[in-house]
């Protein structure tokens, strides 16, 4: 029973955190397109 609840909690957490990471990746790709380097690369 506890394992099932933990599994559901994990799925809910993963579903909630997914789009934020995707948005950050899209923003980094957009930066790369404009500047020719990744945002965390030294200038």
C-alpha atoms as a PDB file:
ATOM      1  CA  UNK A   1       0.000   0.000   0.000  1.00  0.00           C
ATOM      2  CA  UNK A   2       2.730   2.460   0.954  1.00  0.00           C
ATOM      3  CA  UNK A   3       4.716   1.536  -2.156  1.00  0.00           C
ATOM      4  CA  UNK A   4       1.746   2.317  -4.372  1.00  0.00           C
ATOM      5  CA  UNK A   5       1.252   5.695  -2.736  1.00  0.00           C
ATOM      6  CA  UNK A   6       4.952   6.468  -3.126  1.00  0.00           C
ATOM      7  CA  UNK A   7       4.801   5.482  -6.794  1.00  0.00           C
ATOM      8  CA  UNK A   8       1.844   7.767  -7.432  1.00  0.00           C
ATOM      9  CA  UNK A   9       3.589  10.611  -5.610  1.00  0.00           C
ATOM     10  CA  UNK A  10       6.686  10.068  -7.760  1.00  0.00           C
ATOM     11  CA  UNK A  11       4.633  10.154 -10.956  1.00  0.00           C
ATOM     12  CA  UNK A  12       2.887  13.350  -9.888  1.00  0.00           C
ATOM     13  CA  UNK A  13       6.208  14.980  -9.033  1.00  0.00           C
ATOM     14  CA  UNK A  14       7.724  13.961 -12.394  1.00  0.00           C
ATOM     15  CA  UNK A  15       4.714  15.258 -14.314  1.00  0.00           C
ATOM     16  CA  UNK A  16       4.877  18.576 -12.490  1.00  0.00           C
ATOM     17  CA  UNK A  17       8.627  19.154 -12.940  1.00  0.00           C
ATOM     18  CA  UNK A  18       8.824  18.084 -16.587  1.00  0.00           C
ATOM     19  CA  UNK A  19       7.570  21.193 -18.419  1.00  0.00           C
ATOM     20  CA  UNK A  20       9.800  23.535 -16.403  1.00  0.00           C
ATOM     21  CA  UNK A  21      12.893  21.655 -17.520  1.00  0.00           C
ATOM     22  CA  UNK A  22      11.600  21.646 -21.089  1.00  0.00           C
ATOM     23  CA  UNK A  23      11.070  25.407 -21.012  1.00  0.00           C
ATOM     24  CA  UNK A  24      14.622  25.940 -19.731  1.00  0.00           C
ATOM     25  CA  UNK A  25      16.015  23.735 -22.506  1.00  0.00           C
ATOM     26  CA  UNK A  26      14.000  25.589 -25.149  1.00  0.00           C
ATOM     27  CA  UNK A  27      15.285  28.916 -23.824  1.00  0.00           C
ATOM     28  CA  UNK A  28      18.881  27.638 -23.932  1.00  0.00           C
ATOM     29  CA  UNK A  29      18.425  26.483 -27.538  1.00  0.00           C
ATOM     30  CA  UNK A  30      16.984  29.868 -28.470  1.00  0.00           C
ATOM     31  CA  UNK A  31      20.006  31.566 -26.863  1.00  0.00           C
ATOM     32  CA  UNK A  32      22.319  29.265 -28.851  1.00  0.00           C
ATOM     33  CA  UNK A  33      20.564  30.155 -32.087  1.00  0.00           C
ATOM     34  CA  UNK A  34      20.959  33.882 -31.433  1.00  0.00           C
ATOM     35  CA  UNK A  35      24.497  33.922 -29.985  1.00  0.00           C
ATOM     36  CA  UNK A  36      26.214  30.788 -31.333  1.00  0.00           C
ATOM     37  CA  UNK A  37      27.115  29.500 -27.881  1.00  0.00           C
ATOM     38  CA  UNK A  38      25.330  27.868 -24.943  1.00  0.00           C
ATOM     39  CA  UNK A  39      24.274  30.161 -22.082  1.00  0.00           C
ATOM     40  CA  UNK A  40      26.570  28.452 -19.575  1.00  0.00           C
ATOM     41  CA  UNK A  41      29.651  28.579 -21.849  1.00  0.00           C
ATOM     42  CA  UNK A  42      32.177  31.295 -21.021  1.00  0.00           C
ATOM     43  CA  UNK A  43      32.007  34.275 -23.327  1.00  0.00           C
END
